[in-house]
Amino acid sequence: MLERPVAAIIVSVLAFVTVYAITPGLIRALERRKMVVKDYNRVGGANVARPGGPSIIAGILVAEVALYAFYMSPAVLAIILTTVLAFFTGLADDRRVLGGWFKPLALAASAIPIIVLGYYAPHMVYESQLGFPLFGSVKIPLLYVALILFMIPITGNTINSIDVLNGVASGFMTIASFALTISLFIVHNYDIALASLPLGFVSLAFYKYHKFPSRIFPGDSGALTLGAMYGAIAIVGHVEIIAAVALLPAVINSFLFLSSVKRIIEHRQLKANPVEHTEDFKLKATAHREAPVTLVRLIVANRPMTEKEVGFTIFKLALFSAGLAILTAFMMGVRV
């Protein structure tokens, strides 16, 4: 069995290098097959390759399978299986626009490996309790199973809903996932901290090609993969509250969107967009009554901003939430 520092270096390098190396080839393959979408926020509306999910899942699998080979951990296996199922859910939606309820239900099904492996390996995959800062843990055996089925759809769709601008989803996940890794080390859950490292390095490597001006979009297969893996790590790492704090800007975006449209709906089915363009191609809040309220719409409500400015504003919010998450981990004091 490898020492943890060595394993951490190996899985981090595998995750980063795999995505960094194969994404350019994926971009060329998608462009040859005309699998591109128009970037309406860019002057001229350039066509961008989509989806980037295959390179994201490749980096995750290479690293996580290596980690599983080192430690044979059922918790790591649960993360792998849930993440793969979420990827195929997103891939199905990339290839054909499916109903609004498809993704939440399919992502709930993706969480089943966590429940099954938790049944056969009690206390090794998840604990039926929630840990809170200062107040300790609350044991909720039956309710916790329901929480698992809800949490994966929530984290998956939350990241998917914030994937609206160049580089935002991958950059946001880079910040949130590294904050989660640091928090796992703080609460002394070192094994799951190792399993969370690939998520941060995969997101960072993909950001190289996703940042403005994007050469590739993650698509549903990429965004759902990142979000579902984040949720799975939070569950098996017993850091659900900490994970929610780190994800707060994206959670607020999802809440604003759902509360304004009042039903589960695909972004592609909206009657009006939350933002529109000025003459100099900056983003400004729309005055259309049927347009949903989103985080981006609130950010540009005061004044029009460029896409890069909006993206960096979201990253500042992500860094603030990451700091709160790490502070929450310190407040929890010991391993939950």
C-alpha atoms as a PDB file:
ATOM      1  CA  MET A   1       0.000   0.000   0.000  1.00  0.00           C
ATOM      2  CA  LEU A   2       1.404   3.393  -1.025  1.00  0.00           C
ATOM      3  CA  GLU A   3       2.031   6.156   1.453  1.00  0.00           C
ATOM      4  CA  ARG A   4      -0.674   8.818   1.201  1.00  0.00           C
ATOM      5  CA  PRO A   5       1.610  11.650  -0.045  1.00  0.00           C
ATOM      6  CA  VAL A   6       2.855   9.449  -2.899  1.00  0.00           C
ATOM      7  CA  ALA A   7      -0.680   8.366  -3.790  1.00  0.00           C
ATOM      8  CA  ALA A   8      -1.808  12.014  -3.725  1.00  0.00           C
ATOM      9  CA  ILE A   9       0.883  13.015  -6.211  1.00  0.00           C
ATOM     10  CA  ILE A  10       0.141  10.067  -8.514  1.00  0.00           C
ATOM     11  CA  VAL A  11      -3.633  10.564  -8.722  1.00  0.00           C
ATOM     12  CA  SER A  12      -3.292  14.343  -9.093  1.00  0.00           C
ATOM     13  CA  VAL A  13      -0.820  14.025 -11.969  1.00  0.00           C
ATOM     14  CA  LEU A  14      -2.878  11.309 -13.669  1.00  0.00           C
ATOM     15  CA  ALA A  15      -6.055  13.389 -13.485  1.00  0.00           C
ATOM     16  CA  PHE A  16      -4.485  16.620 -14.747  1.00  0.00           C
ATOM     17  CA  VAL A  17      -2.300  15.158 -17.483  1.00  0.00           C
ATOM     18  CA  THR A  18      -5.054  12.913 -18.876  1.00  0.00           C
ATOM     19  CA  VAL A  19      -7.509  15.787 -19.378  1.00  0.00           C
ATOM     20  CA  TYR A  20      -4.825  18.236 -20.506  1.00  0.00           C
ATOM     21  CA  ALA A  21      -3.479  15.765 -23.089  1.00  0.00           C
ATOM     22  CA  ILE A  22      -6.663  14.333 -24.622  1.00  0.00           C
ATOM     23  CA  THR A  23      -8.917  17.408 -24.716  1.00  0.00           C
ATOM     24  CA  PRO A  24      -7.281  18.933 -27.851  1.00  0.00           C
ATOM     25  CA  GLY A  25      -7.870  15.656 -29.705  1.00  0.00           C
ATOM     26  CA  LEU A  26     -11.459  15.577 -28.487  1.00  0.00           C
ATOM     27  CA  ILE A  27     -11.964  19.146 -29.744  1.00  0.00           C
ATOM     28  CA  ARG A  28     -10.719  18.186 -33.211  1.00  0.00           C
ATOM     29  CA  ALA A  29     -12.869  15.042 -33.286  1.00  0.00           C
ATOM     30  CA  LEU A  30     -16.001  16.977 -32.277  1.00  0.00           C
ATOM     31  CA  GLU A  31     -15.316  19.674 -34.869  1.00  0.00           C
ATOM     32  CA  ARG A  32     -14.863  17.067 -37.624  1.00  0.00           C
ATOM     33  CA  ARG A  33     -18.233  15.562 -36.709  1.00  0.00           C
ATOM     34  CA  LYS A  34     -19.850  19.025 -36.631  1.00  0.00           C
ATOM     35  CA  MET A  35     -20.651  18.554 -32.932  1.00  0.00           C
ATOM     36  CA  VAL A  36     -20.433  22.250 -32.188  1.00  0.00           C
ATOM     37  CA  VAL A  37     -22.742  24.876 -30.692  1.00  0.00           C
ATOM     38  CA  LYS A  38     -22.795  28.623 -31.192  1.00  0.00           C
ATOM     39  CA  ASP A  39     -21.385  30.805 -28.434  1.00  0.00           C
ATOM     40  CA  TYR A  40     -23.956  33.598 -28.485  1.00  0.00           C
ATOM     41  CA  ASN A  41     -22.066  35.655 -25.906  1.00  0.00           C
ATOM     42  CA  ARG A  42     -19.055  36.078 -28.191  1.00  0.00           C
ATOM     43  CA  VAL A  43     -18.774  38.669 -30.938  1.00  0.00           C
ATOM     44  CA  GLY A  44     -19.488  36.872 -34.194  1.00  0.00           C
ATOM     45  CA  GLY A  45     -21.052  33.875 -32.444  1.00  0.00           C
ATOM     46  CA  ALA A  46     -18.139  31.447 -32.859  1.00  0.00           C
ATOM     47  CA  ASN A  47     -18.872  27.708 -33.013  1.00  0.00           C
ATOM     48  CA  VAL A  48     -17.482  25.792 -30.011  1.00  0.00           C
ATOM     49  CA  ALA A  49     -16.973  22.023 -29.684  1.00  0.00           C
ATOM     50  CA  ARG A  50     -19.354  20.228 -27.312  1.00  0.00           C
ATOM     51  CA  PRO A  51     -19.469  18.076 -25.182  1.00  0.00           C
ATOM     52  CA  GLY A  52     -16.238  17.888 -23.208  1.00  0.00           C
ATOM     53  CA  GLY A  53     -17.628  15.242 -20.872  1.00  0.00           C
ATOM     54  CA  PRO A  54     -15.570  12.375 -22.389  1.00  0.00           C
ATOM     55  CA  SER A  55     -12.236  13.983 -21.485  1.00  0.00           C
ATOM     56  CA  ILE A  56     -13.502  14.887 -18.004  1.00  0.00           C
ATOM     57  CA  ILE A  57     -14.676  11.349 -17.222  1.00  0.00           C
ATOM     58  CA  ALA A  58     -11.452   9.916 -18.680  1.00  0.00           C
ATOM     59  CA  GLY A  59      -9.316  11.959 -16.285  1.00  0.00           C
ATOM     60  CA  ILE A  60     -11.503  11.032 -13.343  1.00  0.00           C
ATOM     61  CA  LEU A  61     -11.519   7.321 -14.154  1.00  0.00           C
ATOM     62  CA  VAL A  62      -7.767   7.037 -14.731  1.00  0.00           C
ATOM     63  CA  ALA A  63      -7.043   8.645 -11.362  1.00  0.00           C
ATOM     64  CA  GLU A  64      -9.829   7.064  -9.297  1.00  0.00           C
ATOM     65  CA  VAL A  65      -9.274   3.541 -10.659  1.00  0.00           C
ATOM     66  CA  ALA A  66      -5.575   3.874  -9.797  1.00  0.00           C
ATOM     67  CA  LEU A  67      -6.537   4.984  -6.291  1.00  0.00           C
ATOM     68  CA  TYR A  68      -8.929   2.053  -5.950  1.00  0.00           C
ATOM     69  CA  ALA A  69      -6.146  -0.313  -7.067  1.00  0.00           C
ATOM     70  CA  PHE A  70      -3.909   1.105  -4.310  1.00  0.00           C
ATOM     71  CA  TYR A  71      -6.419   0.898  -1.441  1.00  0.00           C
ATOM     72  CA  MET A  72      -9.418  -1.236  -2.599  1.00  0.00           C
ATOM     73  CA  SER A  73     -11.717   1.189  -0.819  1.00  0.00           C
ATOM     74  CA  PRO A  74     -15.487   0.639  -1.222  1.00  0.00           C
ATOM     75  CA  ALA A  75     -15.948   4.401  -0.754  1.00  0.00           C
ATOM     76  CA  VAL A  76     -13.768   5.107  -3.802  1.00  0.00           C
ATOM     77  CA  LEU A  77     -15.695   2.464  -5.753  1.00  0.00           C
ATOM     78  CA  ALA A  78     -18.957   4.207  -4.811  1.00  0.00           C
ATOM     79  CA  ILE A  79     -17.576   7.509  -6.106  1.00  0.00           C
ATOM     80  CA  ILE A  80     -16.487   5.878  -9.377  1.00  0.00           C
ATOM     81  CA  LEU A  81     -19.803   4.149 -10.077  1.00  0.00           C
ATOM     82  CA  THR A  82     -21.945   7.180  -9.205  1.00  0.00           C
ATOM     83  CA  THR A  83     -19.791   9.462 -11.340  1.00  0.00           C
ATOM     84  CA  VAL A  84     -19.882   7.120 -14.357  1.00  0.00           C
ATOM     85  CA  LEU A  85     -23.675   6.791 -14.185  1.00  0.00           C
ATOM     86  CA  ALA A  86     -24.008  10.572 -13.989  1.00  0.00           C
ATOM     87  CA  PHE A  87     -21.756  10.908 -17.040  1.00  0.00           C
ATOM     88  CA  PHE A  88     -23.987   8.634 -19.112  1.00  0.00           C
ATOM     89  CA  THR A  89     -27.037  10.574 -17.922  1.00  0.00           C
ATOM     90  CA  GLY A  90     -25.477  13.781 -19.202  1.00  0.00           C
ATOM     91  CA  LEU A  91     -24.285  12.147 -22.418  1.00  0.00           C
ATOM     92  CA  ALA A  92     -27.826  11.006 -23.193  1.00  0.00           C
ATOM     93  CA  ASP A  93     -29.037  14.577 -22.715  1.00  0.00           C
ATOM     94  CA  ASP A  94     -26.193  15.935 -24.875  1.00  0.00           C
ATOM     95  CA  ARG A  95     -27.208  13.718 -27.758  1.00  0.00           C
ATOM     96  CA  ARG A  96     -30.912  14.363 -27.444  1.00  0.00           C
ATOM     97  CA  VAL A  97     -32.755  17.021 -25.441  1.00  0.00           C
ATOM     98  CA  LEU A  98     -34.814  15.090 -22.896  1.00  0.00           C
ATOM     99  CA  GLY A  99     -37.588  16.182 -20.537  1.00  0.00           C
ATOM    100  CA  GLY A 100     -36.948  18.392 -17.526  1.00  0.00           C
ATOM    101  CA  TRP A 101     -37.541  15.541 -15.069  1.00  0.00           C
ATOM    102  CA  PHE A 102     -35.181  13.110 -16.820  1.00  0.00           C
ATOM    103  CA  LYS A 103     -31.939  14.384 -15.288  1.00  0.00           C
ATOM    104  CA  PRO A 104     -33.107  14.599 -11.651  1.00  0.00           C
ATOM    105  CA  LEU A 105     -34.563  11.082 -11.757  1.00  0.00           C
ATOM    106  CA  ALA A 106     -31.582   9.602 -13.598  1.00  0.00           C
ATOM    107  CA  LEU A 107     -29.151  11.291 -11.214  1.00  0.00           C
ATOM    108  CA  ALA A 108     -31.109   9.918  -8.256  1.00  0.00           C
ATOM    109  CA  ALA A 109     -30.617   6.463  -9.772  1.00  0.00           C
ATOM    110  CA  SER A 110     -26.895   7.247 -10.103  1.00  0.00           C
ATOM    111  CA  ALA A 111     -26.737   7.468  -6.305  1.00  0.00           C
ATOM    112  CA  ILE A 112     -27.865   3.845  -5.851  1.00  0.00           C
ATOM    113  CA  PRO A 113     -24.271   2.437  -5.828  1.00  0.00           C
ATOM    114  CA  ILE A 114     -23.550   4.539  -2.728  1.00  0.00           C
ATOM    115  CA  ILE A 115     -26.565   3.063  -0.938  1.00  0.00           C
ATOM    116  CA  VAL A 116     -25.853  -0.516  -2.043  1.00  0.00           C
ATOM    117  CA  LEU A 117     -22.153  -0.434  -1.176  1.00  0.00           C
ATOM    118  CA  GLY A 118     -23.020   1.278   2.101  1.00  0.00           C
ATOM    119  CA  TYR A 119     -25.307  -1.637   2.935  1.00  0.00           C
ATOM    120  CA  TYR A 120     -22.588  -4.235   2.292  1.00  0.00           C
ATOM    121  CA  ALA A 121     -19.795  -2.169   3.844  1.00  0.00           C
ATOM    122  CA  PRO A 122     -21.366  -0.355   6.821  1.00  0.00           C
ATOM    123  CA  HIS A 123     -19.451   2.694   8.101  1.00  0.00           C
ATOM    124  CA  MET A 124     -16.962   2.383   5.224  1.00  0.00           C
ATOM    125  CA  VAL A 125     -19.003   4.203   2.571  1.00  0.00           C
ATOM    126  CA  TYR A 126     -21.242   6.570   4.510  1.00  0.00           C
ATOM    127  CA  GLU A 127     -22.543   7.283   7.982  1.00  0.00           C
ATOM    128  CA  SER A 128     -26.288   7.807   8.546  1.00  0.00           C
ATOM    129  CA  GLN A 129     -25.704  11.129  10.246  1.00  0.00           C
ATOM    130  CA  LEU A 130     -25.161  14.793   9.479  1.00  0.00           C
ATOM    131  CA  GLY A 131     -22.339  16.710  11.104  1.00  0.00           C
ATOM    132  CA  PHE A 132     -22.916  20.351  12.054  1.00  0.00           C
ATOM    133  CA  PRO A 133     -20.352  22.889  13.257  1.00  0.00           C
ATOM    134  CA  LEU A 134     -20.501  23.510  17.016  1.00  0.00           C
ATOM    135  CA  PHE A 135     -23.612  21.320  17.511  1.00  0.00           C
ATOM    136  CA  GLY A 136     -22.130  17.910  16.657  1.00  0.00           C
ATOM    137  CA  SER A 137     -23.795  15.152  14.631  1.00  0.00           C
ATOM    138  CA  VAL A 138     -27.408  14.100  14.210  1.00  0.00           C
ATOM    139  CA  LYS A 139     -28.134  10.448  13.397  1.00  0.00           C
ATOM    140  CA  ILE A 140     -30.934  10.032  10.792  1.00  0.00           C
ATOM    141  CA  PRO A 141     -30.734   6.439   9.399  1.00  0.00           C
ATOM    142  CA  LEU A 142     -33.779   6.266   7.099  1.00  0.00           C
ATOM    143  CA  LEU A 143     -33.855   9.955   6.272  1.00  0.00           C
ATOM    144  CA  TYR A 144     -30.201   9.844   5.273  1.00  0.00           C
ATOM    145  CA  VAL A 145     -30.891   7.338   2.485  1.00  0.00           C
ATOM    146  CA  ALA A 146     -33.446   9.781   1.082  1.00  0.00           C
ATOM    147  CA  LEU A 147     -30.858  12.549   1.449  1.00  0.00           C
ATOM    148  CA  ILE A 148     -28.418  10.581  -0.726  1.00  0.00           C
ATOM    149  CA  LEU A 149     -31.042  10.209  -3.454  1.00  0.00           C
ATOM    150  CA  PHE A 150     -31.686  13.955  -3.331  1.00  0.00           C
ATOM    151  CA  MET A 151     -28.113  15.175  -2.967  1.00  0.00           C
ATOM    152  CA  ILE A 152     -26.657  13.767  -6.201  1.00  0.00           C
ATOM    153  CA  PRO A 153     -29.381  15.352  -8.397  1.00  0.00           C
ATOM    154  CA  ILE A 154     -28.980  18.630  -6.506  1.00  0.00           C
ATOM    155  CA  THR A 155     -25.196  18.885  -6.886  1.00  0.00           C
ATOM    156  CA  GLY A 156     -25.295  17.606 -10.471  1.00  0.00           C
ATOM    157  CA  ASN A 157     -27.962  20.024 -11.657  1.00  0.00           C
ATOM    158  CA  THR A 158     -26.499  22.872  -9.603  1.00  0.00           C
ATOM    159  CA  ILE A 159     -23.219  22.737 -11.522  1.00  0.00           C
ATOM    160  CA  ASN A 160     -25.120  22.236 -14.774  1.00  0.00           C
ATOM    161  CA  SER A 161     -27.211  25.348 -14.109  1.00  0.00           C
ATOM    162  CA  ILE A 162     -24.155  27.566 -13.568  1.00  0.00           C
ATOM    163  CA  ASP A 163     -22.532  26.394 -16.815  1.00  0.00           C
ATOM    164  CA  VAL A 164     -23.711  29.443 -18.768  1.00  0.00           C
ATOM    165  CA  LEU A 165     -20.513  31.373 -19.507  1.00  0.00           C
ATOM    166  CA  ASN A 166     -17.047  30.527 -20.796  1.00  0.00           C
ATOM    167  CA  GLY A 167     -14.995  28.842 -18.084  1.00  0.00           C
ATOM    168  CA  VAL A 168     -17.451  29.327 -15.232  1.00  0.00           C
ATOM    169  CA  ALA A 169     -18.395  25.698 -14.501  1.00  0.00           C
ATOM    170  CA  SER A 170     -14.823  24.350 -14.625  1.00  0.00           C
ATOM    171  CA  GLY A 171     -13.339  27.355 -12.809  1.00  0.00           C
ATOM    172  CA  PHE A 172     -16.018  27.258 -10.123  1.00  0.00           C
ATOM    173  CA  MET A 173     -15.523  23.517  -9.611  1.00  0.00           C
ATOM    174  CA  THR A 174     -11.763  23.980  -9.343  1.00  0.00           C
ATOM    175  CA  ILE A 175     -12.265  26.373  -6.435  1.00  0.00           C
ATOM    176  CA  ALA A 176     -15.056  24.406  -4.713  1.00  0.00           C
ATOM    177  CA  SER A 177     -13.398  20.998  -5.026  1.00  0.00           C
ATOM    178  CA  PHE A 178     -10.012  22.135  -3.679  1.00  0.00           C
ATOM    179  CA  ALA A 179     -11.845  23.770  -0.773  1.00  0.00           C
ATOM    180  CA  LEU A 180     -13.576  20.433  -0.173  1.00  0.00           C
ATOM    181  CA  THR A 181     -10.237  18.609  -0.270  1.00  0.00           C
ATOM    182  CA  ILE A 182      -8.693  21.008   2.263  1.00  0.00           C
ATOM    183  CA  SER A 183     -11.761  20.597   4.474  1.00  0.00           C
ATOM    184  CA  LEU A 184     -11.481  16.802   4.333  1.00  0.00           C
ATOM    185  CA  PHE A 185      -7.874  17.052   5.516  1.00  0.00           C
ATOM    186  CA  ILE A 186      -8.943  19.385   8.335  1.00  0.00           C
ATOM    187  CA  VAL A 187     -11.550  16.907   9.619  1.00  0.00           C
ATOM    188  CA  HIS A 188      -8.951  14.116   9.302  1.00  0.00           C
ATOM    189  CA  ASN A 189     -10.716  12.164   6.537  1.00  0.00           C
ATOM    190  CA  TYR A 190      -7.485  11.626   4.637  1.00  0.00           C
ATOM    191  CA  ASP A 191      -8.599   8.716   2.432  1.00  0.00           C
ATOM    192  CA  ILE A 192     -11.523  10.619   0.909  1.00  0.00           C
ATOM    193  CA  ALA A 193      -9.353  13.734   0.646  1.00  0.00           C
ATOM    194  CA  LEU A 194      -7.156  11.691  -1.694  1.00  0.00           C
ATOM    195  CA  ALA A 195     -10.235  10.661  -3.694  1.00  0.00           C
ATOM    196  CA  SER A 196     -11.283  14.296  -4.028  1.00  0.00           C
ATOM    197  CA  LEU A 197      -7.967  15.496  -5.469  1.00  0.00           C
ATOM    198  CA  PRO A 198      -8.702  14.251  -9.029  1.00  0.00           C
ATOM    199  CA  LEU A 199     -11.880  16.346  -9.162  1.00  0.00           C
ATOM    200  CA  GLY A 200      -9.944  19.552  -8.592  1.00  0.00           C
ATOM    201  CA  PHE A 201      -7.151  18.701 -11.032  1.00  0.00           C
ATOM    202  CA  VAL A 202      -9.556  17.507 -13.739  1.00  0.00           C
ATOM    203  CA  SER A 203     -11.499  20.771 -13.415  1.00  0.00           C
ATOM    204  CA  LEU A 204      -8.276  22.806 -13.520  1.00  0.00           C
ATOM    205  CA  ALA A 205      -6.985  21.029 -16.636  1.00  0.00           C
ATOM    206  CA  PHE A 206     -10.323  21.398 -18.425  1.00  0.00           C
ATOM    207  CA  TYR A 207     -10.438  25.099 -17.511  1.00  0.00           C
ATOM    208  CA  LYS A 208      -7.399  25.597 -19.765  1.00  0.00           C
ATOM    209  CA  TYR A 209      -9.630  24.888 -22.791  1.00  0.00           C
ATOM    210  CA  HIS A 210     -12.932  26.097 -21.325  1.00  0.00           C
ATOM    211  CA  LYS A 211     -11.854  29.576 -20.172  1.00  0.00           C
ATOM    212  CA  PHE A 212     -12.696  32.623 -22.298  1.00  0.00           C
ATOM    213  CA  PRO A 213     -12.593  32.311 -25.257  1.00  0.00           C
ATOM    214  CA  SER A 214     -13.713  28.691 -24.941  1.00  0.00           C
ATOM    215  CA  ARG A 215     -12.499  26.025 -27.334  1.00  0.00           C
ATOM    216  CA  ILE A 216     -14.847  23.431 -25.827  1.00  0.00           C
ATOM    217  CA  PHE A 217     -17.934  23.373 -23.609  1.00  0.00           C
ATOM    218  CA  PRO A 218     -18.390  20.604 -20.995  1.00  0.00           C
ATOM    219  CA  GLY A 219     -21.997  19.946 -21.990  1.00  0.00           C
ATOM    220  CA  ASP A 220     -24.385  18.106 -19.712  1.00  0.00           C
ATOM    221  CA  SER A 221     -22.071  15.090 -19.662  1.00  0.00           C
ATOM    222  CA  GLY A 222     -19.248  17.208 -18.261  1.00  0.00           C
ATOM    223  CA  ALA A 223     -21.238  19.388 -15.845  1.00  0.00           C
ATOM    224  CA  LEU A 224     -23.283  16.517 -14.411  1.00  0.00           C
ATOM    225  CA  THR A 225     -20.135  14.415 -14.007  1.00  0.00           C
ATOM    226  CA  LEU A 226     -18.388  17.141 -12.018  1.00  0.00           C
ATOM    227  CA  GLY A 227     -21.446  17.897  -9.890  1.00  0.00           C
ATOM    228  CA  ALA A 228     -22.332  14.270  -9.158  1.00  0.00           C
ATOM    229  CA  MET A 229     -18.756  13.403  -8.190  1.00  0.00           C
ATOM    230  CA  TYR A 230     -18.687  16.410  -5.868  1.00  0.00           C
ATOM    231  CA  GLY A 231     -21.898  15.206  -4.208  1.00  0.00           C
ATOM    232  CA  ALA A 232     -20.618  11.632  -3.910  1.00  0.00           C
ATOM    233  CA  ILE A 233     -17.409  12.836  -2.244  1.00  0.00           C
ATOM    234  CA  ALA A 234     -19.429  14.937   0.197  1.00  0.00           C
ATOM    235  CA  ILE A 235     -21.514  11.894   1.193  1.00  0.00           C
ATOM    236  CA  VAL A 236     -18.742   9.322   1.582  1.00  0.00           C
ATOM    237  CA  GLY A 237     -16.517  11.937   3.220  1.00  0.00           C
ATOM    238  CA  HIS A 238     -19.194  12.857   5.793  1.00  0.00           C
ATOM    239  CA  VAL A 239     -18.846  16.583   4.931  1.00  0.00           C
ATOM    240  CA  GLU A 240     -22.266  17.341   3.464  1.00  0.00           C
ATOM    241  CA  ILE A 241     -22.715  20.695   5.229  1.00  0.00           C
ATOM    242  CA  ILE A 242     -19.193  21.830   4.359  1.00  0.00           C
ATOM    243  CA  ALA A 243     -19.745  20.858   0.715  1.00  0.00           C
ATOM    244  CA  ALA A 244     -22.993  22.828   0.598  1.00  0.00           C
ATOM    245  CA  VAL A 245     -21.241  25.940   1.953  1.00  0.00           C
ATOM    246  CA  ALA A 246     -18.502  25.734  -0.698  1.00  0.00           C
ATOM    247  CA  LEU A 247     -21.168  25.402  -3.390  1.00  0.00           C
ATOM    248  CA  LEU A 248     -23.281  28.289  -2.087  1.00  0.00           C
ATOM    249  CA  PRO A 249     -23.163  30.658  -5.133  1.00  0.00           C
ATOM    250  CA  ALA A 250     -24.220  27.843  -7.461  1.00  0.00           C
ATOM    251  CA  VAL A 251     -26.923  26.741  -5.010  1.00  0.00           C
ATOM    252  CA  ILE A 252     -28.274  30.293  -4.877  1.00  0.00           C
ATOM    253  CA  ASN A 253     -28.289  30.408  -8.686  1.00  0.00           C
ATOM    254  CA  SER A 254     -30.350  27.199  -8.837  1.00  0.00           C
ATOM    255  CA  PHE A 255     -32.746  28.446  -6.162  1.00  0.00           C
ATOM    256  CA  LEU A 256     -33.275  31.747  -7.969  1.00  0.00           C
ATOM    257  CA  PHE A 257     -33.884  29.981 -11.257  1.00  0.00           C
ATOM    258  CA  LEU A 258     -36.365  27.426  -9.860  1.00  0.00           C
ATOM    259  CA  SER A 259     -38.228  29.967  -7.737  1.00  0.00           C
ATOM    260  CA  SER A 260     -38.711  32.248 -10.731  1.00  0.00           C
ATOM    261  CA  VAL A 261     -39.787  29.624 -13.306  1.00  0.00           C
ATOM    262  CA  LYS A 262     -41.640  27.560 -10.633  1.00  0.00           C
ATOM    263  CA  ARG A 263     -40.988  24.231 -12.359  1.00  0.00           C
ATOM    264  CA  ILE A 264     -38.153  21.983 -13.529  1.00  0.00           C
ATOM    265  CA  ILE A 265     -37.293  23.065 -17.049  1.00  0.00           C
ATOM    266  CA  GLU A 266     -34.371  22.875 -19.462  1.00  0.00           C
ATOM    267  CA  HIS A 267     -32.527  26.131 -20.160  1.00  0.00           C
ATOM    268  CA  ARG A 268     -33.083  25.441 -23.855  1.00  0.00           C
ATOM    269  CA  GLN A 269     -36.852  25.555 -23.259  1.00  0.00           C
ATOM    270  CA  LEU A 270     -36.909  29.078 -21.800  1.00  0.00           C
ATOM    271  CA  LYS A 271     -39.107  31.650 -23.528  1.00  0.00           C
ATOM    272  CA  ALA A 272     -36.739  34.493 -22.643  1.00  0.00           C
ATOM    273  CA  ASN A 273     -33.085  34.684 -21.614  1.00  0.00           C
ATOM    274  CA  PRO A 274     -32.151  36.288 -18.272  1.00  0.00           C
ATOM    275  CA  VAL A 275     -29.553  38.540 -19.932  1.00  0.00           C
ATOM    276  CA  GLU A 276     -29.149  40.273 -23.272  1.00  0.00           C
ATOM    277  CA  HIS A 277     -26.405  42.156 -25.087  1.00  0.00           C
ATOM    278  CA  THR A 278     -25.647  45.838 -25.343  1.00  0.00           C
ATOM    279  CA  GLU A 279     -24.411  47.405 -28.580  1.00  0.00           C
ATOM    280  CA  ASP A 280     -20.802  46.877 -27.479  1.00  0.00           C
ATOM    281  CA  PHE A 281     -21.640  43.218 -26.651  1.00  0.00           C
ATOM    282  CA  LYS A 282     -21.645  43.465 -22.891  1.00  0.00           C
ATOM    283  CA  LEU A 283     -24.155  41.519 -20.813  1.00  0.00           C
ATOM    284  CA  LYS A 284     -27.064  43.350 -19.203  1.00  0.00           C
ATOM    285  CA  ALA A 285     -30.137  42.214 -17.291  1.00  0.00           C
ATOM    286  CA  THR A 286     -33.216  41.748 -19.427  1.00  0.00           C
ATOM    287  CA  ALA A 287     -36.476  43.540 -18.713  1.00  0.00           C
ATOM    288  CA  HIS A 288     -38.526  40.634 -20.094  1.00  0.00           C
ATOM    289  CA  ARG A 289     -41.115  39.527 -17.531  1.00  0.00           C
ATOM    290  CA  GLU A 290     -40.902  35.837 -18.421  1.00  0.00           C
ATOM    291  CA  ALA A 291     -37.130  35.690 -18.085  1.00  0.00           C
ATOM    292  CA  PRO A 292     -35.889  33.737 -15.038  1.00  0.00           C
ATOM    293  CA  VAL A 293     -33.885  35.306 -12.239  1.00  0.00           C
ATOM    294  CA  THR A 294     -30.328  33.955 -12.134  1.00  0.00           C
ATOM    295  CA  LEU A 295     -27.053  34.801 -10.435  1.00  0.00           C
ATOM    296  CA  VAL A 296     -25.679  36.281 -13.665  1.00  0.00           C
ATOM    297  CA  ARG A 297     -28.777  38.462 -14.066  1.00  0.00           C
ATOM    298  CA  LEU A 298     -28.302  39.817 -10.536  1.00  0.00           C
ATOM    299  CA  ILE A 299     -24.591  40.471 -11.126  1.00  0.00           C
ATOM    300  CA  VAL A 300     -25.272  42.610 -14.218  1.00  0.00           C
ATOM    301  CA  ALA A 301     -28.406  44.264 -12.793  1.00  0.00           C
ATOM    302  CA  ASN A 302     -26.467  47.349 -11.711  1.00  0.00           C
ATOM    303  CA  ARG A 303     -24.422  47.834 -14.883  1.00  0.00           C
ATOM    304  CA  PRO A 304     -23.544  45.936 -18.077  1.00  0.00           C
ATOM    305  CA  MET A 305     -20.401  43.814 -17.818  1.00  0.00           C
ATOM    306  CA  THR A 306     -18.259  41.781 -20.190  1.00  0.00           C
ATOM    307  CA  GLU A 307     -18.462  38.008 -20.017  1.00  0.00           C
ATOM    308  CA  LYS A 308     -14.992  37.843 -18.470  1.00  0.00           C
ATOM    309  CA  GLU A 309     -15.963  40.364 -15.784  1.00  0.00           C
ATOM    310  CA  VAL A 310     -19.055  38.351 -14.872  1.00  0.00           C
ATOM    311  CA  GLY A 311     -17.012  35.158 -14.746  1.00  0.00           C
ATOM    312  CA  PHE A 312     -14.412  36.665 -12.412  1.00  0.00           C
ATOM    313  CA  THR A 313     -17.181  38.032 -10.189  1.00  0.00           C
ATOM    314  CA  ILE A 314     -18.564  34.499  -9.849  1.00  0.00           C
ATOM    315  CA  PHE A 315     -15.064  33.234  -9.045  1.00  0.00           C
ATOM    316  CA  LYS A 316     -14.750  35.862  -6.279  1.00  0.00           C
ATOM    317  CA  LEU A 317     -18.017  34.600  -4.798  1.00  0.00           C
ATOM    318  CA  ALA A 318     -16.712  31.032  -5.106  1.00  0.00           C
ATOM    319  CA  LEU A 319     -13.491  31.951  -3.272  1.00  0.00           C
ATOM    320  CA  PHE A 320     -15.487  33.607  -0.495  1.00  0.00           C
ATOM    321  CA  SER A 321     -17.678  30.500  -0.134  1.00  0.00           C
ATOM    322  CA  ALA A 322     -14.584  28.285  -0.222  1.00  0.00           C
ATOM    323  CA  GLY A 323     -13.174  30.265   2.685  1.00  0.00           C
ATOM    324  CA  LEU A 324     -16.428  29.854   4.607  1.00  0.00           C
ATOM    325  CA  ALA A 325     -16.359  26.103   3.931  1.00  0.00           C
ATOM    326  CA  ILE A 326     -12.820  25.779   5.271  1.00  0.00           C
ATOM    327  CA  LEU A 327     -13.790  27.847   8.314  1.00  0.00           C
ATOM    328  CA  THR A 328     -16.778  25.525   8.820  1.00  0.00           C
ATOM    329  CA  ALA A 329     -14.406  22.553   8.733  1.00  0.00           C
ATOM    330  CA  PHE A 330     -12.288  24.122  11.477  1.00  0.00           C
ATOM    331  CA  MET A 331     -15.440  24.725  13.536  1.00  0.00           C
ATOM    332  CA  MET A 332     -16.349  21.050  13.246  1.00  0.00           C
ATOM    333  CA  GLY A 333     -13.065  20.371  14.960  1.00  0.00           C
ATOM    334  CA  VAL A 334     -12.810  16.618  14.635  1.00  0.00           C
ATOM    335  CA  ARG A 335     -13.722  13.987  12.080  1.00  0.00           C
ATOM    336  CA  VAL A 336     -17.484  13.745  11.670  1.00  0.00           C
END
